[in-house]
Amino acid sequence: MNISIFYEKADTNKIIKELTYNIGNVGAEIKSSGENKQDIDIATFAYSDAKYIRKEIQVNNEELYFLYIYLELFSKEQKELQYNLDKVEGILQSKGLQTKRAYFRQEQLFKSCLPLLENSETLKTVGKRNILTNGLISTYPFISSSIFEDKGIYIGTNMYNNSLILIDRYNTNKYKNANMCIFGTSGAGKSFYTKLLILRNSLLGIEQYVIDPEREYNKLAKNIGGTIIKLGPTSENYINIFDIRKESIEENEHGYLATKIGKLIGFFNLIFGELNEEEKAILEEKIIEVYKIKNINFNDKTLYKNKKFKTTKDMPILEDFYNILNDEKTKKFKIKLLPFIKGSFKFFNNYTNIELNKKLIIADVYELGEENMKYGMYLFTELFWDKIKINRKIKKAIYLDEIWRLIGVTSNKDVAKFIYKIFKTIRKYGGSSVAITQDISDLFSLENGTYGKSILNNSSIKTFFSLEEENIKLLSQYSNLSEKEKIEIKSLRRGECLTFVGDEHILIKIEANEFEKQLIDGQ
């Protein structure tokens, strides 16, 4: 079926004159009408309608249009065509709409349904209807939004109208930030979608950093020339948690050590469990002491040697900190640090030996195991965050897969605050933060969902793949999902998603060509 709709704006002044004239005539007819009740009813309806239209035009700034709607049905078989005609007419008439078949005017109607903008006069005489602006907008057929941004990357197609979806999340004129949230159950397609975004963004020269707890991005990185940094017992890559980097604070600002102390307290919270204020004060005192041994204090000048910023070799390491925990108050901290110094996690006790000189860097923390993955994720997040702040003019993105590990119940407020800070401020560095998870309940578990909600609200683009009903109910508490959208999310198939892009909500089918699939899957 083809549908063709024509709108013609009427001359407002002429219409008001005609309405006023008809109102006077009909009013006179009503007064002088006889006993025929039917005539009186028809005249009364016409009188009321005319007055209503005149009022809307004069008082509410409405415009009057002539509306023409043509339907062209076609089929390979006459029987099927007749069935479809009867079916369409039945549906329309059940909604109170009148229909007329174009007997002896089929050719004119066929031309009107072609993209020729031809509305035959012979059709107009029988197909014309009056409509005000308010009613006119309800006839607009494209009820589904589409996004086609000049500098955007291809995402997929609109599931309602098959239009192409191209999104430029770095468009500061349209979006308050370039942040994204990607939620979905295992196997729904969120990982493939994330890899597709990374692949297509790499063509634009965007710097991208990925926290990879499940070892899902290695094949993609190898295929497009990215760097994979592994942290674990069998790896030779090390990151010194005590590193203070030159880019860790803004240019012309002060407070390197003070900034670093806050990050270290967050890290030690992960190891020692939730710390009270007294324990934080004790740890801060010891952190200041271990930096003092390396001739570093709150004076930023102490971080320079021969006019150059000190390197990782000039910083303390975890063992230096461990060795000064000698009093009774710090005994329990020393015991918990023992595996990091002499045990299975001693790879944390070393100087940084990695370089970040590629546009795509994958942080592989898979070897750390389920319970200890959060340590590596936090280390890499801090490292990448400092890297992101170096040059504001370069577009960059950080992808936090399984973000619930950093802002969920297994994390702590200090770490969650740090992650939230990234989402809140990355925009000014030309960056984008991407939160990816399948564990919605864990995401909103810390502090009654405060941090999960904050990250959701600080993401201009939200993508929901298929979710279980329990997760949909939880998510609806923190986002403006309609009842229809809740049903849609539950019934989405693999590779289909509901995306909130600014104020627009669109159902999208993610699409990739065979070459992209080979690069992503590593085949």
Protein backbone atom coordinates (compact mmCIF):
# COMPACT_ATOMS: atom_id res chain seq x y z
CA MET A 1 0.00 0.00 0.00
CA ASN A 2 1.18 3.50 -0.86
CA ILE A 3 -0.17 6.49 1.02
CA SER A 4 -0.11 10.01 -0.40
CA ILE A 5 -1.14 13.03 1.68
CA PHE A 6 -1.59 16.57 0.36
CA TYR A 7 -2.06 19.72 2.42
CA GLU A 8 -3.29 23.04 1.05
CA LYS A 9 -3.38 26.12 3.21
CA ALA A 10 -6.59 28.14 2.86
CA ASP A 11 -6.78 31.95 2.62
CA THR A 12 -7.50 32.94 6.24
CA ASN A 13 -9.24 36.26 5.47
CA LYS A 14 -11.43 34.67 2.83
CA ILE A 15 -12.35 31.78 5.15
CA ILE A 16 -13.35 34.12 8.02
CA LYS A 17 -15.59 36.14 5.68
CA GLU A 18 -17.25 32.98 4.39
CA LEU A 19 -17.71 31.58 7.89
CA THR A 20 -19.26 34.81 9.15
CA TYR A 21 -21.63 34.88 6.18
CA ASN A 22 -22.64 31.22 6.68
CA ILE A 23 -23.08 31.66 10.45
CA GLY A 24 -25.56 34.47 9.77
CA ASN A 25 -27.46 32.49 7.15
CA VAL A 26 -27.63 29.27 9.18
CA GLY A 27 -28.64 31.20 12.30
CA ALA A 28 -31.53 32.69 10.39
CA GLU A 29 -32.53 29.26 9.05
CA ILE A 30 -32.62 27.79 12.56
CA LYS A 31 -34.93 30.54 13.76
CA SER A 32 -37.28 30.19 10.78
CA SER A 33 -37.11 26.37 10.52
CA GLY A 34 -40.29 24.34 10.60
CA GLU A 35 -41.23 21.20 12.47
CA ASN A 36 -38.60 18.96 10.80
CA LYS A 37 -36.36 17.89 13.70
CA GLN A 38 -33.72 16.41 11.40
CA ASP A 39 -33.27 19.67 9.51
CA ILE A 40 -32.92 21.56 12.77
CA ASP A 41 -30.22 19.15 14.05
CA ILE A 42 -28.18 19.37 10.84
CA ALA A 43 -28.36 23.16 10.81
CA THR A 44 -27.43 23.34 14.51
CA PHE A 45 -24.34 21.14 14.00
CA ALA A 46 -23.24 23.24 11.00
CA TYR A 47 -23.80 26.45 12.98
CA SER A 48 -21.74 25.19 15.97
CA ASP A 49 -18.91 23.90 13.76
CA ALA A 50 -18.65 27.18 11.86
CA LYS A 51 -18.52 29.21 15.09
CA TYR A 52 -15.89 26.86 16.55
CA ILE A 53 -13.66 27.12 13.47
CA ARG A 54 -13.94 30.92 13.37
CA LYS A 55 -13.08 31.15 17.07
CA GLU A 56 -10.01 28.87 16.69
CA ILE A 57 -8.72 30.95 13.78
CA GLN A 58 -9.33 34.34 15.38
CA VAL A 59 -8.52 33.58 19.04
CA ASN A 60 -6.10 30.62 19.07
CA ASN A 61 -4.11 31.45 15.90
CA GLU A 62 -5.15 28.24 14.16
CA GLU A 63 -4.96 27.96 10.36
CA LEU A 64 -7.41 26.18 8.10
CA TYR A 65 -6.10 23.60 5.63
CA PHE A 66 -7.61 21.39 2.98
CA LEU A 67 -6.54 17.81 3.50
CA TYR A 68 -6.40 15.06 0.85
CA ILE A 69 -5.47 11.45 1.71
CA TYR A 70 -5.12 8.87 -1.07
CA LEU A 71 -4.48 5.15 -0.58
CA GLU A 72 -3.18 2.96 -3.39
CA LEU A 73 -3.37 -0.81 -2.81
CA PHE A 74 -1.76 -3.30 -5.15
CA SER A 75 -1.37 -7.05 -5.41
CA LYS A 76 -0.39 -9.79 -7.86
CA GLU A 77 -3.78 -11.48 -7.51
CA GLN A 78 -7.24 -9.93 -7.88
CA LYS A 79 -8.65 -12.02 -5.02
CA GLU A 80 -5.95 -10.86 -2.62
CA LEU A 81 -6.43 -7.26 -3.75
CA GLN A 82 -10.16 -7.41 -3.06
CA TYR A 83 -9.50 -8.92 0.36
CA ASN A 84 -7.05 -6.13 1.23
CA LEU A 85 -9.43 -3.43 0.00
CA ASP A 86 -12.24 -4.75 2.17
CA LYS A 87 -9.88 -5.10 5.14
CA VAL A 88 -8.53 -1.52 4.90
CA GLU A 89 -12.02 -0.08 4.41
CA GLY A 90 -13.27 -2.05 7.42
CA ILE A 91 -10.45 -0.75 9.64
CA LEU A 92 -10.98 2.86 8.58
CA GLN A 93 -14.76 2.73 8.91
CA SER A 94 -14.47 1.17 12.38
CA LYS A 95 -12.56 4.32 13.37
CA GLY A 96 -15.32 6.57 12.01
CA LEU A 97 -13.47 7.47 8.79
CA GLN A 98 -15.26 7.68 5.46
CA THR A 99 -13.74 6.07 2.35
CA LYS A 100 -14.48 6.31 -1.37
CA ARG A 101 -13.13 4.08 -4.10
CA ALA A 102 -11.67 5.96 -7.06
CA TYR A 103 -13.93 4.51 -9.74
CA PHE A 104 -13.13 6.10 -13.13
CA ARG A 105 -10.33 8.10 -11.46
CA GLN A 106 -7.78 5.29 -10.94
CA GLU A 107 -5.20 6.85 -13.26
CA GLN A 108 -5.36 10.22 -11.49
CA LEU A 109 -5.04 8.55 -8.08
CA PHE A 110 -2.10 6.43 -9.30
CA LYS A 111 -0.27 9.60 -10.41
CA SER A 112 -1.06 11.28 -7.08
CA CYS A 113 0.65 8.40 -5.25
CA LEU A 114 3.82 8.77 -7.33
CA PRO A 115 6.56 11.20 -6.13
CA LEU A 116 5.42 13.82 -8.67
CA LEU A 117 3.53 16.16 -6.32
CA GLU A 118 0.49 15.97 -8.59
CA ASN A 119 -2.93 16.40 -7.01
CA SER A 120 -5.56 16.10 -9.73
CA GLU A 121 -8.46 18.57 -9.72
CA THR A 122 -10.91 15.74 -10.40
CA LEU A 123 -9.76 14.04 -7.18
CA LYS A 124 -9.78 17.27 -5.17
CA THR A 125 -13.46 17.85 -5.81
CA VAL A 126 -14.43 14.61 -4.05
CA GLY A 127 -11.51 14.08 -1.65
CA LYS A 128 -11.26 17.47 0.07
CA ARG A 129 -11.64 17.76 3.83
CA ASN A 130 -11.26 20.83 6.08
CA ILE A 131 -8.85 20.60 9.00
CA LEU A 132 -7.31 22.97 11.52
CA THR A 133 -3.61 23.04 12.35
CA ASN A 134 -4.12 21.18 15.62
CA GLY A 135 -5.74 18.27 13.81
CA LEU A 136 -3.36 18.49 10.88
CA ILE A 137 -0.31 17.45 12.92
CA SER A 138 -2.01 14.17 13.86
CA THR A 139 -2.00 13.18 10.17
CA TYR A 140 1.78 13.45 9.88
CA PRO A 141 2.78 9.87 8.99
CA PHE A 142 6.36 9.75 10.28
CA ILE A 143 5.63 9.13 13.95
CA SER A 144 9.10 7.69 14.59
CA SER A 145 12.06 10.01 15.00
CA SER A 146 15.15 9.66 12.85
CA ILE A 147 18.62 11.06 13.39
CA PHE A 148 20.91 11.80 10.49
CA GLU A 149 23.81 13.97 11.61
CA ASP A 150 26.39 15.18 9.09
CA LYS A 151 29.45 14.13 11.08
CA GLY A 152 27.84 11.16 12.79
CA ILE A 153 28.82 7.52 12.55
CA TYR A 154 26.40 4.95 11.18
CA ILE A 155 24.57 3.06 13.96
CA GLY A 156 21.87 1.13 12.13
CA THR A 157 18.32 1.59 10.84
CA ASN A 158 15.15 2.85 12.45
CA MET A 159 12.97 -0.24 13.04
CA TYR A 160 9.78 1.69 12.26
CA ASN A 161 10.66 3.36 8.95
CA ASN A 162 14.03 1.86 7.91
CA SER A 163 15.69 5.29 7.84
CA LEU A 164 19.43 5.45 8.51
CA ILE A 165 20.60 6.47 11.98
CA LEU A 166 23.85 8.45 12.13
CA ILE A 167 24.83 9.93 15.49
CA ASP A 168 27.62 12.37 16.30
CA ARG A 169 27.82 12.17 20.06
CA TYR A 170 30.52 14.86 20.09
CA ASN A 171 28.05 17.39 18.69
CA THR A 172 28.19 19.95 21.51
CA ASN A 173 25.51 22.09 19.88
CA LYS A 174 22.97 19.29 20.25
CA TYR A 175 24.10 17.22 23.25
CA LYS A 176 25.11 18.39 26.70
CA ASN A 177 27.86 15.76 26.70
CA ALA A 178 29.17 12.81 24.67
CA ASN A 179 28.56 10.22 27.39
CA MET A 180 26.73 6.94 26.74
CA CYS A 181 25.12 4.14 28.72
CA ILE A 182 24.77 0.70 27.12
CA PHE A 183 22.63 -1.82 29.05
CA GLY A 184 21.52 -5.31 28.06
CA THR A 185 21.47 -8.96 29.07
CA SER A 186 24.22 -11.36 28.06
CA GLY A 187 23.89 -12.20 24.38
CA ALA A 188 21.61 -9.25 23.56
CA GLY A 189 24.25 -7.56 21.42
CA LYS A 190 25.68 -4.83 23.65
CA SER A 191 29.30 -6.04 23.35
CA PHE A 192 29.09 -6.29 19.56
CA TYR A 193 27.56 -2.79 19.45
CA THR A 194 30.35 -1.39 21.65
CA LYS A 195 33.02 -2.97 19.43
CA LEU A 196 31.27 -1.56 16.37
CA LEU A 197 31.38 1.93 17.91
CA ILE A 198 35.08 1.52 18.69
CA LEU A 199 35.80 0.30 15.14
CA ARG A 200 33.91 3.12 13.43
CA ASN A 201 35.26 5.81 15.78
CA SER A 202 38.80 4.61 15.08
CA LEU A 203 38.29 5.63 11.43
CA LEU A 204 37.79 9.20 12.67
CA GLY A 205 41.08 9.15 14.61
CA ILE A 206 39.40 9.25 18.03
CA GLU A 207 41.59 8.11 20.93
CA GLN A 208 39.85 5.24 22.74
CA TYR A 209 40.58 3.50 26.02
CA VAL A 210 38.74 0.33 27.02
CA ILE A 211 38.53 -1.34 30.44
CA ASP A 212 38.06 -5.00 29.48
CA PRO A 213 37.23 -7.35 32.38
CA GLU A 214 36.02 -10.24 30.20
CA ARG A 215 38.77 -10.27 27.53
CA GLU A 216 36.27 -9.42 24.79
CA TYR A 217 38.13 -6.72 22.86
CA ASN A 218 41.53 -8.33 22.18
CA LYS A 219 40.68 -9.61 18.69
CA LEU A 220 39.41 -6.22 17.59
CA ALA A 221 42.51 -4.48 18.96
CA LYS A 222 44.84 -6.88 17.13
CA ASN A 223 42.94 -6.50 13.86
CA ILE A 224 43.02 -2.70 13.80
CA GLY A 225 46.47 -2.14 15.33
CA GLY A 226 45.54 -1.28 18.90
CA THR A 227 47.56 -1.95 22.06
CA ILE A 228 46.58 -4.59 24.62
CA ILE A 229 47.87 -4.07 28.16
CA LYS A 230 47.41 -7.05 30.48
CA LEU A 231 47.54 -6.82 34.23
CA GLY A 232 47.83 -10.09 36.11
CA PRO A 233 50.13 -12.80 37.51
CA THR A 234 51.44 -13.88 34.09
CA SER A 235 51.80 -10.37 32.66
CA GLU A 236 54.94 -8.26 32.44
CA ASN A 237 52.92 -5.02 32.46
CA TYR A 238 52.97 -3.01 35.67
CA ILE A 239 51.25 0.12 36.95
CA ASN A 240 52.52 1.88 40.08
CA ILE A 241 49.53 3.00 42.11
CA PHE A 242 51.66 5.73 43.71
CA ASP A 243 52.53 7.43 40.41
CA ILE A 244 51.80 11.15 40.31
CA ARG A 245 51.56 12.23 36.70
CA LYS A 246 52.07 15.73 35.35
CA GLU A 247 48.66 15.69 33.63
CA SER A 248 46.78 14.65 36.78
CA ILE A 249 45.81 18.28 37.47
CA GLU A 250 44.94 21.19 35.22
CA GLU A 251 47.63 23.46 33.84
CA ASN A 252 48.29 26.44 36.13
CA GLU A 253 46.54 24.66 39.02
CA HIS A 254 48.18 23.38 42.19
CA GLY A 255 47.86 20.41 44.53
CA TYR A 256 49.42 17.30 42.99
CA LEU A 257 49.85 15.43 46.27
CA ALA A 258 46.44 16.45 47.67
CA THR A 259 44.74 15.19 44.50
CA LYS A 260 46.67 11.92 44.62
CA ILE A 261 45.81 11.26 48.26
CA GLY A 262 42.09 11.26 47.45
CA LYS A 263 42.62 8.68 44.66
CA LEU A 264 44.78 6.47 46.90
CA ILE A 265 42.16 6.51 49.67
CA GLY A 266 39.67 5.21 47.10
CA PHE A 267 42.04 2.41 46.06
CA PHE A 268 42.77 1.37 49.64
CA ASN A 269 39.04 1.36 50.33
CA LEU A 270 38.78 -1.43 47.75
CA ILE A 271 41.45 -3.45 49.54
CA PHE A 272 40.63 -2.75 53.19
CA GLY A 273 36.86 -2.42 52.93
CA GLU A 274 34.83 0.65 53.84
CA LEU A 275 37.03 2.95 55.94
CA ASN A 276 35.75 5.25 58.67
CA GLU A 277 37.01 8.83 59.04
CA GLU A 278 39.62 7.89 61.65
CA GLU A 279 41.08 5.13 59.46
CA LYS A 280 41.16 7.50 56.46
CA ALA A 281 43.06 10.04 58.55
CA ILE A 282 45.62 7.40 59.60
CA LEU A 283 46.11 6.27 56.00
CA GLU A 284 46.48 9.85 54.80
CA GLU A 285 49.18 10.46 57.39
CA LYS A 286 51.09 7.37 56.19
CA ILE A 287 50.67 8.33 52.51
CA ILE A 288 52.17 11.77 53.22
CA GLU A 289 55.02 10.06 55.10
CA VAL A 290 55.89 7.65 52.27
CA TYR A 291 56.03 10.49 49.72
CA LYS A 292 58.20 12.48 52.11
CA ILE A 293 60.77 9.66 52.01
CA LYS A 294 60.97 10.31 48.24
CA ASN A 295 61.30 14.08 48.88
CA ILE A 296 57.79 14.83 47.67
CA ASN A 297 55.41 17.03 49.67
CA PHE A 298 52.53 19.46 49.14
CA ASN A 299 54.85 21.90 47.39
CA ASP A 300 54.40 21.07 43.69
CA LYS A 301 58.01 22.07 43.00
CA THR A 302 59.16 18.91 44.79
CA LEU A 303 57.76 16.89 41.89
CA TYR A 304 60.37 18.32 39.54
CA LYS A 305 63.96 17.19 39.19
CA ASN A 306 66.35 19.12 36.96
CA LYS A 307 63.34 21.08 35.67
CA LYS A 308 61.67 17.86 34.52
CA PHE A 309 58.67 16.19 36.09
CA LYS A 310 59.69 13.15 38.13
CA THR A 311 59.21 9.71 36.64
CA THR A 312 57.77 6.53 38.13
CA LYS A 313 61.24 5.58 39.40
CA ASP A 314 61.19 8.67 41.61
CA MET A 315 57.89 7.66 43.23
CA PRO A 316 57.27 5.30 46.15
CA ILE A 317 55.83 1.86 45.42
CA LEU A 318 53.41 -0.28 47.43
CA GLU A 319 56.24 -1.97 49.34
CA ASP A 320 57.55 1.40 50.56
CA PHE A 321 54.10 2.09 51.97
CA TYR A 322 53.89 -1.41 53.47
CA ASN A 323 57.21 -0.93 55.28
CA ILE A 324 56.10 2.15 57.23
CA LEU A 325 52.92 0.50 58.59
CA ASN A 326 54.62 -0.49 61.87
CA ASP A 327 52.35 0.74 64.66
CA GLU A 328 49.36 -0.95 66.25
CA LYS A 329 46.81 1.23 64.42
CA THR A 330 48.07 0.16 61.00
CA LYS A 331 48.68 -3.51 61.74
CA LYS A 332 45.43 -4.71 60.10
CA PHE A 333 46.27 -2.71 56.97
CA LYS A 334 49.69 -4.34 56.76
CA ILE A 335 48.20 -7.83 57.00
CA LYS A 336 45.75 -7.14 54.14
CA LEU A 337 48.55 -5.69 52.00
CA LEU A 338 50.75 -8.77 52.40
CA PRO A 339 49.40 -10.56 49.23
CA PHE A 340 50.17 -7.37 47.25
CA ILE A 341 53.78 -7.31 48.43
CA LYS A 342 54.87 -10.94 48.69
CA GLY A 343 51.93 -13.00 47.48
CA SER A 344 49.82 -13.60 44.38
CA PHE A 345 49.23 -9.87 43.73
CA LYS A 346 52.87 -8.76 43.93
CA PHE A 347 52.61 -7.46 40.32
CA PHE A 348 50.94 -4.40 41.93
CA ASN A 349 54.26 -3.74 43.71
CA ASN A 350 56.33 -2.39 40.84
CA TYR A 351 57.17 0.67 38.81
CA THR A 352 55.04 1.53 35.78
CA ASN A 353 56.50 0.14 32.55
CA ILE A 354 53.71 0.71 30.00
CA GLU A 355 53.40 3.34 27.30
CA LEU A 356 50.17 4.75 25.91
CA ASN A 357 51.11 5.80 22.40
CA LYS A 358 48.36 4.16 20.33
CA LYS A 359 44.90 5.50 19.49
CA LEU A 360 43.22 2.34 20.80
CA ILE A 361 44.32 0.83 24.11
CA ILE A 362 42.65 -2.18 25.72
CA ALA A 363 43.16 -2.73 29.46
CA ASP A 364 42.84 -6.48 29.96
CA VAL A 365 42.17 -7.29 33.64
CA TYR A 366 40.70 -10.74 33.05
CA GLU A 367 43.52 -12.59 34.88
CA LEU A 368 42.76 -10.78 38.14
CA GLY A 369 39.70 -12.95 38.68
CA GLU A 370 36.17 -12.11 39.69
CA GLU A 371 36.91 -10.87 43.21
CA ASN A 372 40.00 -8.78 42.43
CA MET A 373 39.11 -7.31 39.05
CA LYS A 374 38.06 -4.02 40.62
CA TYR A 375 41.66 -3.23 41.66
CA GLY A 376 42.91 -3.38 38.09
CA MET A 377 39.88 -1.56 36.72
CA TYR A 378 40.46 1.29 39.14
CA LEU A 379 44.18 1.50 38.32
CA PHE A 380 43.56 1.67 34.58
CA THR A 381 40.69 4.12 34.94
CA GLU A 382 42.92 6.53 36.86
CA LEU A 383 45.71 6.08 34.31
CA PHE A 384 43.41 6.66 31.35
CA TRP A 385 41.76 9.64 33.01
CA ASP A 386 45.13 11.37 33.34
CA LYS A 387 45.86 10.56 29.68
CA ILE A 388 42.50 11.98 28.57
CA LYS A 389 43.24 15.34 30.20
CA ILE A 390 46.45 15.99 28.24
CA ASN A 391 44.95 17.64 25.14
CA ARG A 392 41.45 19.12 25.12
CA LYS A 393 41.40 19.52 21.33
CA ILE A 394 41.66 15.78 20.62
CA LYS A 395 38.49 13.71 20.72
CA LYS A 396 38.73 10.69 23.00
CA ALA A 397 36.57 8.10 24.74
CA ILE A 398 36.85 5.76 27.72
CA TYR A 399 34.73 2.59 27.81
CA LEU A 400 34.00 1.12 31.25
CA ASP A 401 32.72 -2.40 30.67
CA GLU A 402 30.97 -4.00 33.65
CA ILE A 403 30.97 -0.59 35.33
CA TRP A 404 28.94 -1.96 38.26
CA ARG A 405 32.21 -3.27 39.70
CA LEU A 406 33.33 0.33 40.24
CA ILE A 407 30.08 1.96 41.35
CA GLY A 408 28.14 -1.03 42.71
CA VAL A 409 27.83 -2.52 46.17
CA THR A 410 31.24 -4.25 45.93
CA SER A 411 32.90 -0.85 45.45
CA ASN A 412 32.85 2.19 47.76
CA LYS A 413 31.81 5.83 47.77
CA ASP A 414 35.29 7.22 47.08
CA VAL A 415 35.73 5.13 43.94
CA ALA A 416 32.14 5.80 42.81
CA LYS A 417 32.70 9.55 43.28
CA PHE A 418 35.80 9.35 41.11
CA ILE A 419 33.90 7.56 38.32
CA TYR A 420 31.05 10.05 38.59
CA LYS A 421 33.56 12.90 38.34
CA ILE A 422 34.81 11.45 35.05
CA PHE A 423 31.26 11.36 33.62
CA LYS A 424 30.54 14.86 34.86
CA THR A 425 33.72 16.61 33.66
CA ILE A 426 35.04 14.63 30.68
CA ARG A 427 33.12 16.86 28.28
CA LYS A 428 35.48 19.79 28.85
CA TYR A 429 38.42 17.61 27.77
CA GLY A 430 36.76 16.69 24.48
CA GLY A 431 35.97 13.25 25.83
CA SER A 432 33.20 10.69 26.10
CA SER A 433 32.56 8.18 28.90
CA VAL A 434 30.72 4.98 28.04
CA ALA A 435 29.15 2.85 30.80
CA ILE A 436 28.44 -0.77 29.82
CA THR A 437 26.76 -3.38 32.02
CA GLN A 438 24.30 -6.26 32.16
CA ASP A 439 23.90 -6.11 35.95
CA ILE A 440 21.36 -3.33 36.41
CA SER A 441 20.60 -4.27 40.02
CA ASP A 442 24.29 -4.04 40.99
CA LEU A 443 24.64 -0.73 39.15
CA PHE A 444 22.03 0.88 41.41
CA SER A 445 22.97 -0.94 44.62
CA LEU A 446 25.44 1.52 46.19
CA GLU A 447 23.95 4.35 48.27
CA ASN A 448 20.40 3.53 47.10
CA GLY A 449 21.38 3.90 43.47
CA THR A 450 22.75 7.44 43.83
CA TYR A 451 25.84 6.92 41.65
CA GLY A 452 24.16 4.71 39.08
CA LYS A 453 21.43 7.30 38.66
CA SER A 454 23.97 10.14 38.42
CA ILE A 455 25.86 8.38 35.63
CA LEU A 456 22.60 7.58 33.81
CA ASN A 457 21.49 11.21 34.05
CA ASN A 458 24.91 12.44 32.87
CA SER A 459 24.70 10.43 29.65
CA SER A 460 23.09 12.14 26.66
CA ILE A 461 22.76 8.82 24.83
CA LYS A 462 21.22 5.78 26.53
CA THR A 463 20.96 2.45 24.73
CA PHE A 464 18.86 -0.41 26.09
CA PHE A 465 19.15 -3.87 24.57
CA SER A 466 16.89 -6.71 25.69
CA LEU A 467 16.50 -6.86 29.48
CA GLU A 468 14.74 -9.13 31.94
CA GLU A 469 11.50 -7.86 33.44
CA GLU A 470 13.07 -7.40 36.88
CA ASN A 471 15.82 -5.19 35.45
CA ILE A 472 13.29 -3.23 33.37
CA LYS A 473 11.26 -2.43 36.49
CA LEU A 474 14.40 -1.26 38.29
CA LEU A 475 15.58 0.80 35.33
CA SER A 476 12.17 2.48 34.99
CA GLN A 477 12.66 3.97 38.47
CA TYR A 478 15.63 5.95 37.21
CA SER A 479 14.63 6.76 33.60
CA ASN A 480 11.50 8.00 31.84
CA LEU A 481 10.50 4.72 30.20
CA SER A 482 6.92 4.61 28.97
CA GLU A 483 4.78 1.50 29.42
CA LYS A 484 5.06 0.82 25.68
CA GLU A 485 8.86 1.08 25.83
CA LYS A 486 9.05 -1.35 28.76
CA ILE A 487 7.24 -3.94 26.63
CA GLU A 488 9.48 -3.18 23.65
CA ILE A 489 12.72 -3.65 25.64
CA LYS A 490 11.55 -7.02 26.91
CA SER A 491 10.71 -8.25 23.40
CA LEU A 492 13.79 -6.94 21.58
CA ARG A 493 15.75 -9.50 19.59
CA ARG A 494 19.54 -9.78 19.40
CA GLY A 495 21.02 -6.67 17.81
CA GLU A 496 17.92 -4.53 18.42
CA CYS A 497 17.84 -1.70 20.94
CA LEU A 498 15.85 1.23 22.23
CA THR A 499 18.03 4.34 22.18
CA PHE A 500 17.43 7.65 23.92
CA VAL A 501 19.28 10.31 21.93
CA GLY A 502 18.74 13.58 23.73
CA ASP A 503 14.94 13.88 23.94
CA GLU A 504 14.27 11.41 21.11
CA HIS A 505 13.47 7.73 21.71
CA ILE A 506 14.21 5.45 18.74
CA LEU A 507 14.08 1.70 18.14
CA ILE A 508 17.22 0.79 16.22
CA LYS A 509 18.43 -2.35 14.49
CA ILE A 510 22.23 -2.40 14.74
CA GLU A 511 23.82 -3.23 11.39
CA ALA A 512 27.35 -4.10 10.28
CA ASN A 513 28.82 -5.34 7.03
CA GLU A 514 30.72 -8.61 6.67
CA PHE A 515 34.15 -6.98 6.76
CA GLU A 516 33.34 -5.23 10.05
CA LYS A 517 32.10 -8.52 11.49
CA GLN A 518 35.38 -10.19 10.53
CA LEU A 519 37.41 -7.45 12.22
CA ILE A 520 35.30 -7.69 15.38
CA ASP A 521 35.12 -11.47 15.60
CA GLY A 522 38.70 -11.96 14.50
CA GLN A 523 37.86 -14.43 11.76
